[in-house]
Amino acid sequence: MKYSDEQRIEKIRETTEKLLRYLKETGITRDAVMEQEPIRWAITTPLYNIGEHVYNLSDEYKEAHGKIPWVKISGLRHWLVHDYDNTN
C-alpha cells in the first residue's frame, strides 16, 4: 500500500506517541536499555518504522518542512538496521 504524506505523518505521530507512552509507563532507564536486549528491540522497532515512513515522504513534503532533520531521522533507521553490530 502506498501511503500519502499525510498518512505517513499520522503513522509517525501514532508510533511516536505509543513509544513515548510505553517508555513512561514502564519507567525504562538508560541502563535497562543498555543491559537488556528485549528492551532494545522494543525501542528500536518503532524507530525503524518511523525512519522508514520518513524516508518515503515526498521530497516536496520534506522541502516544505525543511526545519525538520529528515535525513537524520531516516539515517537513524538505516544505521540501526544496517549497522546494528556497531550501534551502542
N, C-alpha and C. Protein backbone atom coordinates (compact mmCIF):
# COMPACT_ATOMS: atom_id res chain seq x y z
N MET A 1 0.83 -1.17 0.00
CA MET A 1 0.00 0.00 0.00
C MET A 1 0.88 1.24 0.00
N LYS A 2 0.60 2.16 -0.86
CA LYS A 2 1.32 3.42 -0.90
C LYS A 2 0.57 4.45 -0.06
N TYR A 3 1.27 4.99 0.92
CA TYR A 3 0.67 5.99 1.79
C TYR A 3 0.90 7.39 1.25
N SER A 4 -0.01 8.27 1.53
CA SER A 4 0.19 9.69 1.23
C SER A 4 1.12 10.27 2.30
N ASP A 5 1.65 11.44 2.03
CA ASP A 5 2.48 12.10 3.04
C ASP A 5 1.71 12.30 4.34
N GLU A 6 0.46 12.69 4.22
CA GLU A 6 -0.35 12.93 5.42
C GLU A 6 -0.55 11.64 6.21
N GLN A 7 -0.76 10.53 5.50
CA GLN A 7 -0.91 9.25 6.19
C GLN A 7 0.40 8.84 6.86
N ARG A 8 1.51 9.08 6.20
CA ARG A 8 2.82 8.75 6.79
C ARG A 8 3.06 9.59 8.05
N ILE A 9 2.74 10.87 7.99
CA ILE A 9 2.93 11.73 9.16
C ILE A 9 2.05 11.24 10.31
N GLU A 10 0.85 10.83 10.01
CA GLU A 10 -0.03 10.29 11.05
C GLU A 10 0.55 9.01 11.65
N LYS A 11 1.09 8.14 10.81
CA LYS A 11 1.73 6.91 11.31
C LYS A 11 2.92 7.25 12.20
N ILE A 12 3.72 8.22 11.78
CA ILE A 12 4.87 8.66 12.57
C ILE A 12 4.39 9.18 13.93
N ARG A 13 3.36 10.01 13.92
CA ARG A 13 2.82 10.57 15.16
C ARG A 13 2.33 9.47 16.08
N GLU A 14 1.54 8.55 15.54
CA GLU A 14 0.99 7.46 16.35
C GLU A 14 2.09 6.59 16.94
N THR A 15 3.06 6.24 16.13
CA THR A 15 4.15 5.38 16.60
C THR A 15 4.98 6.09 17.66
N THR A 16 5.24 7.37 17.46
CA THR A 16 6.00 8.14 18.44
C THR A 16 5.25 8.21 19.76
N GLU A 17 3.96 8.49 19.71
CA GLU A 17 3.17 8.57 20.93
C GLU A 17 3.15 7.23 21.66
N LYS A 18 2.99 6.13 20.93
CA LYS A 18 2.98 4.81 21.57
C LYS A 18 4.32 4.51 22.23
N LEU A 19 5.41 4.82 21.53
CA LEU A 19 6.73 4.56 22.09
C LEU A 19 6.96 5.40 23.35
N LEU A 20 6.65 6.67 23.29
CA LEU A 20 6.84 7.53 24.46
C LEU A 20 5.97 7.10 25.64
N ARG A 21 4.73 6.70 25.34
CA ARG A 21 3.83 6.21 26.39
C ARG A 21 4.40 4.94 27.03
N TYR A 22 4.89 4.03 26.18
CA TYR A 22 5.48 2.79 26.68
C TYR A 22 6.67 3.08 27.60
N LEU A 23 7.54 3.97 27.17
CA LEU A 23 8.71 4.30 27.98
C LEU A 23 8.30 4.92 29.31
N LYS A 24 7.31 5.80 29.27
CA LYS A 24 6.86 6.44 30.51
C LYS A 24 6.19 5.44 31.45
N GLU A 25 5.31 4.61 30.90
CA GLU A 25 4.57 3.65 31.74
C GLU A 25 5.46 2.59 32.35
N THR A 26 6.49 2.19 31.64
CA THR A 26 7.36 1.13 32.16
C THR A 26 8.53 1.65 32.97
N GLY A 27 8.81 2.96 32.86
CA GLY A 27 9.92 3.53 33.62
C GLY A 27 11.27 2.99 33.19
N ILE A 28 11.40 2.65 31.94
CA ILE A 28 12.66 2.10 31.43
C ILE A 28 13.76 3.13 31.56
N THR A 29 14.88 2.68 32.09
CA THR A 29 16.04 3.56 32.26
C THR A 29 17.06 3.31 31.15
N ARG A 30 17.98 4.24 31.01
CA ARG A 30 19.08 4.08 30.04
C ARG A 30 19.87 2.80 30.35
N ASP A 31 20.12 2.54 31.62
CA ASP A 31 20.85 1.33 31.99
C ASP A 31 20.10 0.08 31.54
N ALA A 32 18.79 0.07 31.71
CA ALA A 32 18.00 -1.09 31.29
C ALA A 32 18.11 -1.29 29.79
N VAL A 33 18.08 -0.20 29.05
CA VAL A 33 18.22 -0.29 27.59
C VAL A 33 19.56 -0.91 27.23
N MET A 34 20.61 -0.45 27.89
CA MET A 34 21.96 -0.94 27.59
C MET A 34 22.15 -2.40 27.99
N GLU A 35 21.44 -2.84 29.01
CA GLU A 35 21.67 -4.18 29.56
C GLU A 35 20.71 -5.25 29.04
N GLN A 36 19.56 -4.87 28.52
CA GLN A 36 18.54 -5.87 28.19
C GLN A 36 18.13 -5.79 26.71
N GLU A 37 18.51 -6.82 25.99
CA GLU A 37 18.22 -6.86 24.56
C GLU A 37 16.73 -6.76 24.24
N PRO A 38 15.84 -7.43 24.97
CA PRO A 38 14.41 -7.28 24.64
C PRO A 38 13.92 -5.84 24.70
N ILE A 39 14.45 -5.07 25.62
CA ILE A 39 14.07 -3.67 25.72
C ILE A 39 14.59 -2.91 24.50
N ARG A 40 15.83 -3.20 24.09
CA ARG A 40 16.36 -2.55 22.90
C ARG A 40 15.49 -2.84 21.68
N TRP A 41 15.05 -4.09 21.55
CA TRP A 41 14.17 -4.46 20.44
C TRP A 41 12.86 -3.69 20.52
N ALA A 42 12.33 -3.56 21.72
CA ALA A 42 11.05 -2.86 21.90
C ALA A 42 11.16 -1.38 21.53
N ILE A 43 12.32 -0.83 21.67
CA ILE A 43 12.53 0.59 21.36
C ILE A 43 12.94 0.79 19.91
N THR A 44 13.83 -0.04 19.42
CA THR A 44 14.34 0.19 18.06
C THR A 44 13.33 -0.16 16.98
N THR A 45 12.46 -1.10 17.22
CA THR A 45 11.48 -1.46 16.18
C THR A 45 10.59 -0.27 15.81
N PRO A 46 10.01 0.47 16.77
CA PRO A 46 9.25 1.66 16.37
C PRO A 46 10.13 2.70 15.67
N LEU A 47 11.40 2.81 16.08
CA LEU A 47 12.28 3.76 15.41
C LEU A 47 12.52 3.37 13.96
N TYR A 48 12.62 2.06 13.69
CA TYR A 48 12.73 1.60 12.29
C TYR A 48 11.52 2.07 11.50
N ASN A 49 10.34 1.87 12.09
CA ASN A 49 9.10 2.21 11.40
C ASN A 49 9.02 3.71 11.12
N ILE A 50 9.36 4.51 12.11
CA ILE A 50 9.35 5.95 11.93
C ILE A 50 10.33 6.35 10.82
N GLY A 51 11.53 5.83 10.88
CA GLY A 51 12.54 6.15 9.87
C GLY A 51 12.13 5.74 8.48
N GLU A 52 11.47 4.61 8.36
CA GLU A 52 11.01 4.15 7.05
C GLU A 52 9.94 5.07 6.49
N HIS A 53 9.02 5.49 7.34
CA HIS A 53 8.00 6.43 6.87
C HIS A 53 8.63 7.77 6.47
N VAL A 54 9.57 8.24 7.24
CA VAL A 54 10.25 9.49 6.90
C VAL A 54 10.97 9.35 5.57
N TYR A 55 11.68 8.26 5.40
CA TYR A 55 12.42 8.03 4.15
C TYR A 55 11.50 8.09 2.93
N ASN A 56 10.28 7.63 3.10
CA ASN A 56 9.35 7.56 1.98
C ASN A 56 8.46 8.78 1.81
N LEU A 57 8.64 9.79 2.64
CA LEU A 57 7.91 11.04 2.42
C LEU A 57 8.40 11.66 1.10
N SER A 58 7.53 12.38 0.45
CA SER A 58 7.92 13.01 -0.81
C SER A 58 8.95 14.11 -0.56
N ASP A 59 9.79 14.34 -1.56
CA ASP A 59 10.77 15.42 -1.46
C ASP A 59 10.07 16.76 -1.26
N GLU A 60 8.93 16.92 -1.90
CA GLU A 60 8.18 18.18 -1.77
C GLU A 60 7.75 18.41 -0.32
N TYR A 61 7.29 17.36 0.33
CA TYR A 61 6.86 17.49 1.73
C TYR A 61 8.07 17.85 2.60
N LYS A 62 9.17 17.15 2.41
CA LYS A 62 10.36 17.42 3.21
C LYS A 62 10.87 18.83 2.99
N GLU A 63 10.84 19.29 1.75
CA GLU A 63 11.29 20.65 1.47
C GLU A 63 10.35 21.68 2.09
N ALA A 64 9.06 21.41 2.08
CA ALA A 64 8.09 22.33 2.67
C ALA A 64 8.22 22.41 4.19
N HIS A 65 8.83 21.39 4.78
CA HIS A 65 9.02 21.34 6.24
C HIS A 65 10.52 21.16 6.52
N GLY A 66 11.28 22.06 5.95
CA GLY A 66 12.74 21.95 5.94
C GLY A 66 13.43 22.09 7.29
N LYS A 67 12.73 22.57 8.31
CA LYS A 67 13.37 22.72 9.62
C LYS A 67 13.51 21.38 10.34
N ILE A 68 12.80 20.39 9.87
CA ILE A 68 12.86 19.05 10.49
C ILE A 68 14.04 18.30 9.88
N PRO A 69 14.89 17.69 10.71
CA PRO A 69 16.07 16.99 10.19
C PRO A 69 15.72 15.62 9.60
N TRP A 70 15.04 15.62 8.47
CA TRP A 70 14.56 14.38 7.84
C TRP A 70 15.69 13.40 7.58
N VAL A 71 16.82 13.88 7.09
CA VAL A 71 17.94 13.00 6.76
C VAL A 71 18.46 12.28 8.01
N LYS A 72 18.51 12.99 9.11
CA LYS A 72 18.97 12.37 10.36
C LYS A 72 17.99 11.31 10.85
N ILE A 73 16.71 11.59 10.71
CA ILE A 73 15.69 10.65 11.18
C ILE A 73 15.72 9.37 10.35
N SER A 74 15.71 9.52 9.03
CA SER A 74 15.75 8.33 8.20
C SER A 74 17.13 7.67 8.28
N GLY A 75 18.18 8.48 8.49
CA GLY A 75 19.52 7.92 8.63
C GLY A 75 19.65 7.05 9.87
N LEU A 76 18.96 7.43 10.95
CA LEU A 76 18.97 6.61 12.16
C LEU A 76 18.41 5.23 11.86
N ARG A 77 17.33 5.19 11.11
CA ARG A 77 16.72 3.91 10.74
C ARG A 77 17.72 3.05 9.97
N HIS A 78 18.39 3.65 8.97
CA HIS A 78 19.35 2.90 8.17
C HIS A 78 20.52 2.42 9.03
N TRP A 79 20.95 3.26 9.94
CA TRP A 79 22.05 2.90 10.82
C TRP A 79 21.65 1.74 11.73
N LEU A 80 20.48 1.83 12.35
CA LEU A 80 20.03 0.77 13.24
C LEU A 80 19.84 -0.55 12.50
N VAL A 81 19.31 -0.48 11.29
CA VAL A 81 19.02 -1.70 10.53
C VAL A 81 20.28 -2.30 9.93
N HIS A 82 21.14 -1.46 9.36
CA HIS A 82 22.27 -1.98 8.59
C HIS A 82 23.59 -2.00 9.33
N ASP A 83 23.70 -1.28 10.43
CA ASP A 83 24.97 -1.24 11.16
C ASP A 83 24.74 -1.55 12.63
N TYR A 84 23.77 -2.45 12.89
CA TYR A 84 23.37 -2.74 14.26
C TYR A 84 24.49 -3.29 15.12
N ASP A 85 25.46 -3.99 14.51
CA ASP A 85 26.56 -4.53 15.31
C ASP A 85 27.43 -3.43 15.91
N ASN A 86 27.42 -2.27 15.28
CA ASN A 86 28.23 -1.16 15.77
C ASN A 86 27.42 -0.10 16.49
N THR A 87 26.15 -0.41 16.77
CA THR A 87 25.29 0.54 17.47
C THR A 87 25.47 0.37 18.97
N ASN A 88 25.70 1.48 19.64
CA ASN A 88 25.93 1.46 21.08
C ASN A 88 24.86 2.32 21.72
